[in-house]
Amino acid sequence: MRYVITLLCCMALLYLALNTFDYFDPMMLCYVRINKELVGGRRDTIKQAIRLLKKTDKPSYRTLCAYVSRIRERICIGSDWHIENPPRGINANGCYIRGTKTIYLKPRPDEGDAVVAQRMQTIRIYSQLSAEFEDGQ
């Protein structure tokens, strides 16, 4: 009995540790690393967006869990400003680089339902792109 209690405590600590900085859903075997921008980023709105996706669109949530390993807050630049003027992608809500299993979201210091909904849509779109690349479509 003592071992069972110890095991349950260890599992609870592991769950809390993983969910402190990342998103972990043991029931769906879903783990997504979250790297927030040091200045102006909000990890909590990313987690809320993932939870909203799980609640409102289960197929897209499963796609996220299967095909995305990391979500990073970082500005997307779709071209090299040394070669092309002006640079593209700076104002985009996010981007996905093929084959990386990483979604990049534009850092947003604000919070609220509109930010969470916009992030959920961005995560949904780029999760699908990751799945299409991995499946060879």
C-alpha atoms as a PDB file:
ATOM      1  CA  MET A   1       0.000   0.000   0.000  1.00  0.00           C
ATOM      2  CA  ARG A   2       2.850   2.344   0.813  1.00  0.00           C
ATOM      3  CA  TYR A   3       4.291   1.844  -2.678  1.00  0.00           C
ATOM      4  CA  VAL A   4       0.976   2.690  -4.300  1.00  0.00           C
ATOM      5  CA  ILE A   5       0.746   5.954  -2.375  1.00  0.00           C
ATOM      6  CA  THR A   6       4.355   6.775  -3.243  1.00  0.00           C
ATOM      7  CA  LEU A   7       3.704   6.027  -6.908  1.00  0.00           C
ATOM      8  CA  LEU A   8       0.579   8.212  -6.948  1.00  0.00           C
ATOM      9  CA  CYS A   9       2.477  11.078  -5.302  1.00  0.00           C
ATOM     10  CA  CYS A  10       5.287  10.776  -7.850  1.00  0.00           C
ATOM     11  CA  MET A  11       2.786  10.762 -10.706  1.00  0.00           C
ATOM     12  CA  ALA A  12       1.052  13.859  -9.289  1.00  0.00           C
ATOM     13  CA  LEU A  13       4.379  15.667  -8.961  1.00  0.00           C
ATOM     14  CA  LEU A  14       5.320  14.720 -12.528  1.00  0.00           C
ATOM     15  CA  TYR A  15       1.973  15.985 -13.800  1.00  0.00           C
ATOM     16  CA  LEU A  16       2.388  19.310 -11.973  1.00  0.00           C
ATOM     17  CA  ALA A  17       5.981  19.705 -13.145  1.00  0.00           C
ATOM     18  CA  LEU A  18       5.087  19.086 -16.791  1.00  0.00           C
ATOM     19  CA  ASN A  19       2.102  21.426 -16.688  1.00  0.00           C
ATOM     20  CA  THR A  20       4.025  24.256 -15.075  1.00  0.00           C
ATOM     21  CA  PHE A  21       5.849  25.212 -18.263  1.00  0.00           C
ATOM     22  CA  ASP A  22       4.342  22.956 -20.936  1.00  0.00           C
ATOM     23  CA  TYR A  23       0.983  21.422 -21.850  1.00  0.00           C
ATOM     24  CA  PHE A  24       0.440  17.828 -20.722  1.00  0.00           C
ATOM     25  CA  ASP A  25      -2.755  15.798 -20.998  1.00  0.00           C
ATOM     26  CA  PRO A  26      -2.092  12.257 -19.742  1.00  0.00           C
ATOM     27  CA  MET A  27      -5.549  10.967 -20.692  1.00  0.00           C
ATOM     28  CA  MET A  28      -4.995  11.786 -24.378  1.00  0.00           C
ATOM     29  CA  LEU A  29      -1.232  11.134 -24.245  1.00  0.00           C
ATOM     30  CA  CYS A  30      -0.647  14.701 -25.358  1.00  0.00           C
ATOM     31  CA  TYR A  31       2.519  16.629 -24.550  1.00  0.00           C
ATOM     32  CA  VAL A  32       3.411  19.929 -26.208  1.00  0.00           C
ATOM     33  CA  ARG A  33       6.414  22.001 -25.155  1.00  0.00           C
ATOM     34  CA  ILE A  34       5.682  25.698 -24.858  1.00  0.00           C
ATOM     35  CA  ASN A  35       8.464  28.262 -25.206  1.00  0.00           C
ATOM     36  CA  LYS A  36       7.260  31.748 -24.416  1.00  0.00           C
ATOM     37  CA  GLU A  37       8.897  34.975 -25.462  1.00  0.00           C
ATOM     38  CA  LEU A  38      10.771  36.402 -22.482  1.00  0.00           C
ATOM     39  CA  VAL A  39       9.446  39.902 -23.018  1.00  0.00           C
ATOM     40  CA  GLY A  40       5.844  40.231 -24.058  1.00  0.00           C
ATOM     41  CA  GLY A  41       4.831  36.573 -24.177  1.00  0.00           C
ATOM     42  CA  ARG A  42       2.055  34.742 -22.359  1.00  0.00           C
ATOM     43  CA  ARG A  43       2.277  30.988 -21.869  1.00  0.00           C
ATOM     44  CA  ASP A  44      -1.140  30.902 -20.189  1.00  0.00           C
ATOM     45  CA  THR A  45      -2.998  32.091 -23.299  1.00  0.00           C
ATOM     46  CA  ILE A  46      -1.373  29.288 -25.305  1.00  0.00           C
ATOM     47  CA  LYS A  47      -2.495  26.707 -22.740  1.00  0.00           C
ATOM     48  CA  GLN A  48      -5.997  28.203 -22.686  1.00  0.00           C
ATOM     49  CA  ALA A  49      -6.109  28.049 -26.489  1.00  0.00           C
ATOM     50  CA  ILE A  50      -5.134  24.361 -26.436  1.00  0.00           C
ATOM     51  CA  ARG A  51      -7.797  23.628 -23.803  1.00  0.00           C
ATOM     52  CA  LEU A  52     -10.394  25.509 -25.870  1.00  0.00           C
ATOM     53  CA  LEU A  53      -9.387  23.515 -28.939  1.00  0.00           C
ATOM     54  CA  LYS A  54      -9.823  20.284 -26.956  1.00  0.00           C
ATOM     55  CA  LYS A  55     -13.268  21.384 -25.798  1.00  0.00           C
ATOM     56  CA  THR A  56     -14.570  22.664 -29.140  1.00  0.00           C
ATOM     57  CA  ASP A  57     -12.800  20.598 -31.828  1.00  0.00           C
ATOM     58  CA  LYS A  58     -11.651  17.112 -30.771  1.00  0.00           C
ATOM     59  CA  PRO A  59     -10.299  16.065 -34.210  1.00  0.00           C
ATOM     60  CA  SER A  60      -8.094  19.160 -34.407  1.00  0.00           C
ATOM     61  CA  TYR A  61      -6.951  18.569 -30.828  1.00  0.00           C
ATOM     62  CA  ARG A  62      -5.925  15.013 -31.716  1.00  0.00           C
ATOM     63  CA  THR A  63      -4.084  16.379 -34.759  1.00  0.00           C
ATOM     64  CA  LEU A  64      -2.239  18.832 -32.521  1.00  0.00           C
ATOM     65  CA  CYS A  65      -1.251  16.073 -30.117  1.00  0.00           C
ATOM     66  CA  ALA A  66      -0.070  13.765 -32.881  1.00  0.00           C
ATOM     67  CA  TYR A  67       1.777  16.195 -35.152  1.00  0.00           C
ATOM     68  CA  VAL A  68       3.019  19.114 -33.034  1.00  0.00           C
ATOM     69  CA  SER A  69       5.749  18.774 -30.446  1.00  0.00           C
ATOM     70  CA  ARG A  70       6.408  22.435 -29.650  1.00  0.00           C
ATOM     71  CA  ILE A  71       4.739  25.829 -29.717  1.00  0.00           C
ATOM     72  CA  ARG A  72       7.080  28.810 -29.607  1.00  0.00           C
ATOM     73  CA  GLU A  73       6.275  32.473 -29.253  1.00  0.00           C
ATOM     74  CA  ARG A  74       8.439  34.151 -31.834  1.00  0.00           C
ATOM     75  CA  ILE A  75       7.840  36.588 -34.682  1.00  0.00           C
ATOM     76  CA  CYS A  76       7.685  34.862 -38.053  1.00  0.00           C
ATOM     77  CA  ILE A  77       9.748  36.193 -40.897  1.00  0.00           C
ATOM     78  CA  GLY A  78       8.896  34.636 -44.244  1.00  0.00           C
ATOM     79  CA  SER A  79      11.740  36.189 -46.219  1.00  0.00           C
ATOM     80  CA  ASP A  80      15.272  37.413 -45.763  1.00  0.00           C
ATOM     81  CA  TRP A  81      15.176  41.197 -45.505  1.00  0.00           C
ATOM     82  CA  HIS A  82      18.698  41.354 -46.911  1.00  0.00           C
ATOM     83  CA  ILE A  83      17.469  39.923 -50.213  1.00  0.00           C
ATOM     84  CA  GLU A  84      13.823  40.916 -50.468  1.00  0.00           C
ATOM     85  CA  ASN A  85      12.304  44.195 -49.411  1.00  0.00           C
ATOM     86  CA  PRO A  86      10.132  44.483 -47.403  1.00  0.00           C
ATOM     87  CA  PRO A  87      10.280  41.390 -45.177  1.00  0.00           C
ATOM     88  CA  ARG A  88       7.148  39.232 -45.223  1.00  0.00           C
ATOM     89  CA  GLY A  89       5.406  37.539 -42.318  1.00  0.00           C
ATOM     90  CA  ILE A  90       6.213  39.962 -39.528  1.00  0.00           C
ATOM     91  CA  ASN A  91       2.544  40.793 -38.923  1.00  0.00           C
ATOM     92  CA  ALA A  92       1.308  37.201 -39.229  1.00  0.00           C
ATOM     93  CA  ASN A  93      -0.368  35.592 -36.205  1.00  0.00           C
ATOM     94  CA  GLY A  94       1.925  32.603 -36.559  1.00  0.00           C
ATOM     95  CA  CYS A  95       3.720  30.267 -38.901  1.00  0.00           C
ATOM     96  CA  TYR A  96       4.850  26.683 -39.383  1.00  0.00           C
ATOM     97  CA  ILE A  97       8.153  25.582 -40.875  1.00  0.00           C
ATOM     98  CA  ARG A  98       7.705  22.320 -42.767  1.00  0.00           C
ATOM     99  CA  GLY A  99       9.090  19.244 -41.072  1.00  0.00           C
ATOM    100  CA  THR A 100       9.807  20.826 -37.691  1.00  0.00           C
ATOM    101  CA  LYS A 101       6.632  19.851 -35.776  1.00  0.00           C
ATOM    102  CA  THR A 102       6.869  23.364 -34.318  1.00  0.00           C
ATOM    103  CA  ILE A 103       4.258  26.097 -34.467  1.00  0.00           C
ATOM    104  CA  TYR A 104       5.414  29.686 -34.035  1.00  0.00           C
ATOM    105  CA  LEU A 105       2.952  32.191 -32.582  1.00  0.00           C
ATOM    106  CA  LYS A 106       3.354  35.946 -32.621  1.00  0.00           C
ATOM    107  CA  PRO A 107       4.109  37.098 -29.040  1.00  0.00           C
ATOM    108  CA  ARG A 108       1.147  38.863 -27.465  1.00  0.00           C
ATOM    109  CA  PRO A 109       1.356  40.439 -24.016  1.00  0.00           C
ATOM    110  CA  ASP A 110      -2.409  40.940 -23.820  1.00  0.00           C
ATOM    111  CA  GLU A 111      -4.925  38.375 -22.681  1.00  0.00           C
ATOM    112  CA  GLY A 112      -8.626  37.738 -22.928  1.00  0.00           C
ATOM    113  CA  ASP A 113     -11.119  35.638 -24.828  1.00  0.00           C
ATOM    114  CA  ALA A 114     -10.346  37.238 -28.199  1.00  0.00           C
ATOM    115  CA  VAL A 115      -6.616  36.482 -27.872  1.00  0.00           C
ATOM    116  CA  VAL A 116      -7.299  32.895 -26.809  1.00  0.00           C
ATOM    117  CA  ALA A 117      -9.753  32.355 -29.688  1.00  0.00           C
ATOM    118  CA  GLN A 118      -7.302  33.822 -32.225  1.00  0.00           C
ATOM    119  CA  ARG A 119      -4.487  31.641 -30.894  1.00  0.00           C
ATOM    120  CA  MET A 120      -6.725  28.575 -31.016  1.00  0.00           C
ATOM    121  CA  GLN A 121      -7.500  29.236 -34.684  1.00  0.00           C
ATOM    122  CA  THR A 122      -3.807  29.708 -35.475  1.00  0.00           C
ATOM    123  CA  ILE A 123      -2.882  26.499 -33.660  1.00  0.00           C
ATOM    124  CA  ARG A 124      -5.645  24.623 -35.501  1.00  0.00           C
ATOM    125  CA  ILE A 125      -4.465  25.825 -38.923  1.00  0.00           C
ATOM    126  CA  TYR A 126      -0.788  25.078 -38.385  1.00  0.00           C
ATOM    127  CA  SER A 127      -1.458  21.723 -36.713  1.00  0.00           C
ATOM    128  CA  GLN A 128      -3.257  20.691 -39.876  1.00  0.00           C
ATOM    129  CA  LEU A 129      -0.324  21.852 -42.005  1.00  0.00           C
ATOM    130  CA  SER A 130       2.048  19.808 -39.853  1.00  0.00           C
ATOM    131  CA  ALA A 131      -0.176  16.741 -40.265  1.00  0.00           C
ATOM    132  CA  GLU A 132      -0.374  17.214 -44.040  1.00  0.00           C
ATOM    133  CA  PHE A 133       3.409  17.438 -44.297  1.00  0.00           C
ATOM    134  CA  GLU A 134       4.008  14.390 -42.084  1.00  0.00           C
ATOM    135  CA  ASP A 135       1.417  12.342 -43.983  1.00  0.00           C
ATOM    136  CA  GLY A 136       2.916  13.382 -47.333  1.00  0.00           C
ATOM    137  CA  GLN A 137      -0.160  15.175 -48.669  1.00  0.00           C
END
